[in-house]
C-alpha atoms as a PDB file:
ATOM      1  CA  MET A   1     122.301 -12.203  -1.151  1.00  0.00           C
ATOM      2  CA  GLY A   2     122.033 -13.533  -4.691  1.00  0.00           C
ATOM      3  CA  ILE A   3     124.144 -15.806  -6.842  1.00  0.00           C
ATOM      4  CA  ASN A   4     125.999 -12.818  -8.318  1.00  0.00           C
ATOM      5  CA  SER A   5     126.680 -10.995  -5.015  1.00  0.00           C
ATOM      6  CA  GLU A   6     130.213 -10.970  -3.640  1.00  0.00           C
ATOM      7  CA  SER A   7     130.850 -12.000  -0.040  1.00  0.00           C
ATOM      8  CA  ASP A   8     133.730 -11.999   2.433  1.00  0.00           C
ATOM      9  CA  MET A   9     132.361 -15.170   4.029  1.00  0.00           C
ATOM     10  CA  ALA A  10     134.671 -18.202   3.969  1.00  0.00           C
ATOM     11  CA  ALA A  11     133.673 -21.849   4.286  1.00  0.00           C
ATOM     12  CA  ASN A  12     135.120 -25.319   3.881  1.00  0.00           C
ATOM     13  CA  LEU A  13     133.527 -27.726   1.443  1.00  0.00           C
ATOM     14  CA  GLN A  14     133.825 -31.507   1.609  1.00  0.00           C
ATOM     15  CA  ILE A  15     132.213 -33.982  -0.787  1.00  0.00           C
ATOM     16  CA  GLY A  16     132.111 -37.738  -0.388  1.00  0.00           C
ATOM     17  CA  PRO A  17     130.034 -40.882  -0.066  1.00  0.00           C
ATOM     18  CA  THR A  18     128.180 -41.844   3.112  1.00  0.00           C
ATOM     19  CA  THR A  19     127.876 -45.345   4.555  1.00  0.00           C
ATOM     20  CA  LEU A  20     124.200 -45.281   3.512  1.00  0.00           C
ATOM     21  CA  GLY A  21     125.026 -44.951  -0.206  1.00  0.00           C
ATOM     22  CA  MET A  22     124.343 -41.213  -0.439  1.00  0.00           C
ATOM     23  CA  VAL A  23     126.647 -38.433  -1.617  1.00  0.00           C
ATOM     24  CA  ARG A  24     127.208 -35.789   1.032  1.00  0.00           C
ATOM     25  CA  ILE A  25     128.172 -32.189   0.385  1.00  0.00           C
ATOM     26  CA  TYR A  26     129.287 -30.817   3.734  1.00  0.00           C
ATOM     27  CA  VAL A  27     129.657 -27.058   4.199  1.00  0.00           C
ATOM     28  CA  GLU A  28     131.352 -25.749   7.334  1.00  0.00           C
ATOM     29  CA  GLY A  29     132.111 -22.145   8.157  1.00  0.00           C
ATOM     30  CA  ASP A  30     131.680 -19.442  10.742  1.00  0.00           C
ATOM     31  CA  GLY A  31     128.349 -20.377  12.330  1.00  0.00           C
ATOM     32  CA  ILE A  32     127.543 -22.871   9.546  1.00  0.00           C
ATOM     33  CA  ASP A  33     127.466 -26.659   9.841  1.00  0.00           C
ATOM     34  CA  LEU A  34     125.455 -27.918   6.879  1.00  0.00           C
ATOM     35  CA  PRO A  35     125.418 -31.553   5.711  1.00  0.00           C
ATOM     36  CA  LEU A  36     123.489 -32.046   2.456  1.00  0.00           C
ATOM     37  CA  ASP A  37     122.801 -35.625   1.329  1.00  0.00           C
ATOM     38  CA  PHE A  38     121.846 -36.583  -2.237  1.00  0.00           C
ATOM     39  CA  ASP A  39     121.194 -39.885  -3.927  1.00  0.00           C
ATOM     40  CA  PRO A  40     123.801 -40.715  -6.592  1.00  0.00           C
ATOM     41  CA  GLU A  41     121.547 -39.629  -9.491  1.00  0.00           C
ATOM     42  CA  GLU A  42     120.932 -36.229  -7.884  1.00  0.00           C
ATOM     43  CA  ALA A  43     124.667 -35.872  -7.254  1.00  0.00           C
ATOM     44  CA  GLU A  44     125.380 -36.525 -10.933  1.00  0.00           C
ATOM     45  CA  GLU A  45     122.827 -33.846 -11.908  1.00  0.00           C
ATOM     46  CA  ILE A  46     124.559 -31.390  -9.549  1.00  0.00           C
ATOM     47  CA  ALA A  47     127.929 -32.295 -11.099  1.00  0.00           C
ATOM     48  CA  GLU A  48     126.523 -31.587 -14.574  1.00  0.00           C
ATOM     49  CA  GLU A  49     125.196 -28.221 -13.384  1.00  0.00           C
ATOM     50  CA  LEU A  50     128.617 -27.370 -11.920  1.00  0.00           C
ATOM     51  CA  ARG A  51     130.325 -28.251 -15.202  1.00  0.00           C
ATOM     52  CA  ALA A  52     127.839 -26.138 -17.178  1.00  0.00           C
ATOM     53  CA  ALA A  53     128.304 -23.188 -14.808  1.00  0.00           C
ATOM     54  CA  ALA A  54     132.092 -23.505 -15.066  1.00  0.00           C
ATOM     55  CA  ALA A  55     131.899 -23.499 -18.865  1.00  0.00           C
ATOM     56  CA  ALA A  56     129.622 -20.430 -18.835  1.00  0.00           C
ATOM     57  CA  ALA A  57     131.924 -18.618 -16.400  1.00  0.00           C
ATOM     58  CA  ARG A  58     134.936 -19.490 -18.536  1.00  0.00           C
ATOM     59  CA  ALA A  59     133.172 -18.100 -21.621  1.00  0.00           C
ATOM     60  CA  MET A  60     132.259 -14.875 -19.789  1.00  0.00           C
ATOM     61  CA  GLY A  61     135.857 -14.476 -18.653  1.00  0.00           C
ATOM     62  CA  LYS A  62     137.096 -14.724 -22.248  1.00  0.00           C
ATOM     63  CA  LYS A  63     134.569 -12.130 -23.442  1.00  0.00           C
ATOM     64  CA  SER A  64     135.673  -9.565 -20.854  1.00  0.00           C
ATOM     65  CA  ARG A  65     139.337  -9.666 -21.924  1.00  0.00           C
END
């Protein structure tokens, strides 16, 4: 499965700080229990990538109208 493949899989996503000063992205779904810890700088880089992807997706959505 690639980034552009559709899926019927559903999962819950939680994001928050840990007591050890890390940022945790926690993914939970059918057969999935995945905690991912990042230092704050890495978390900010991920946030920037999410914003850039959202802007690109928004631009693609406007082009297809």
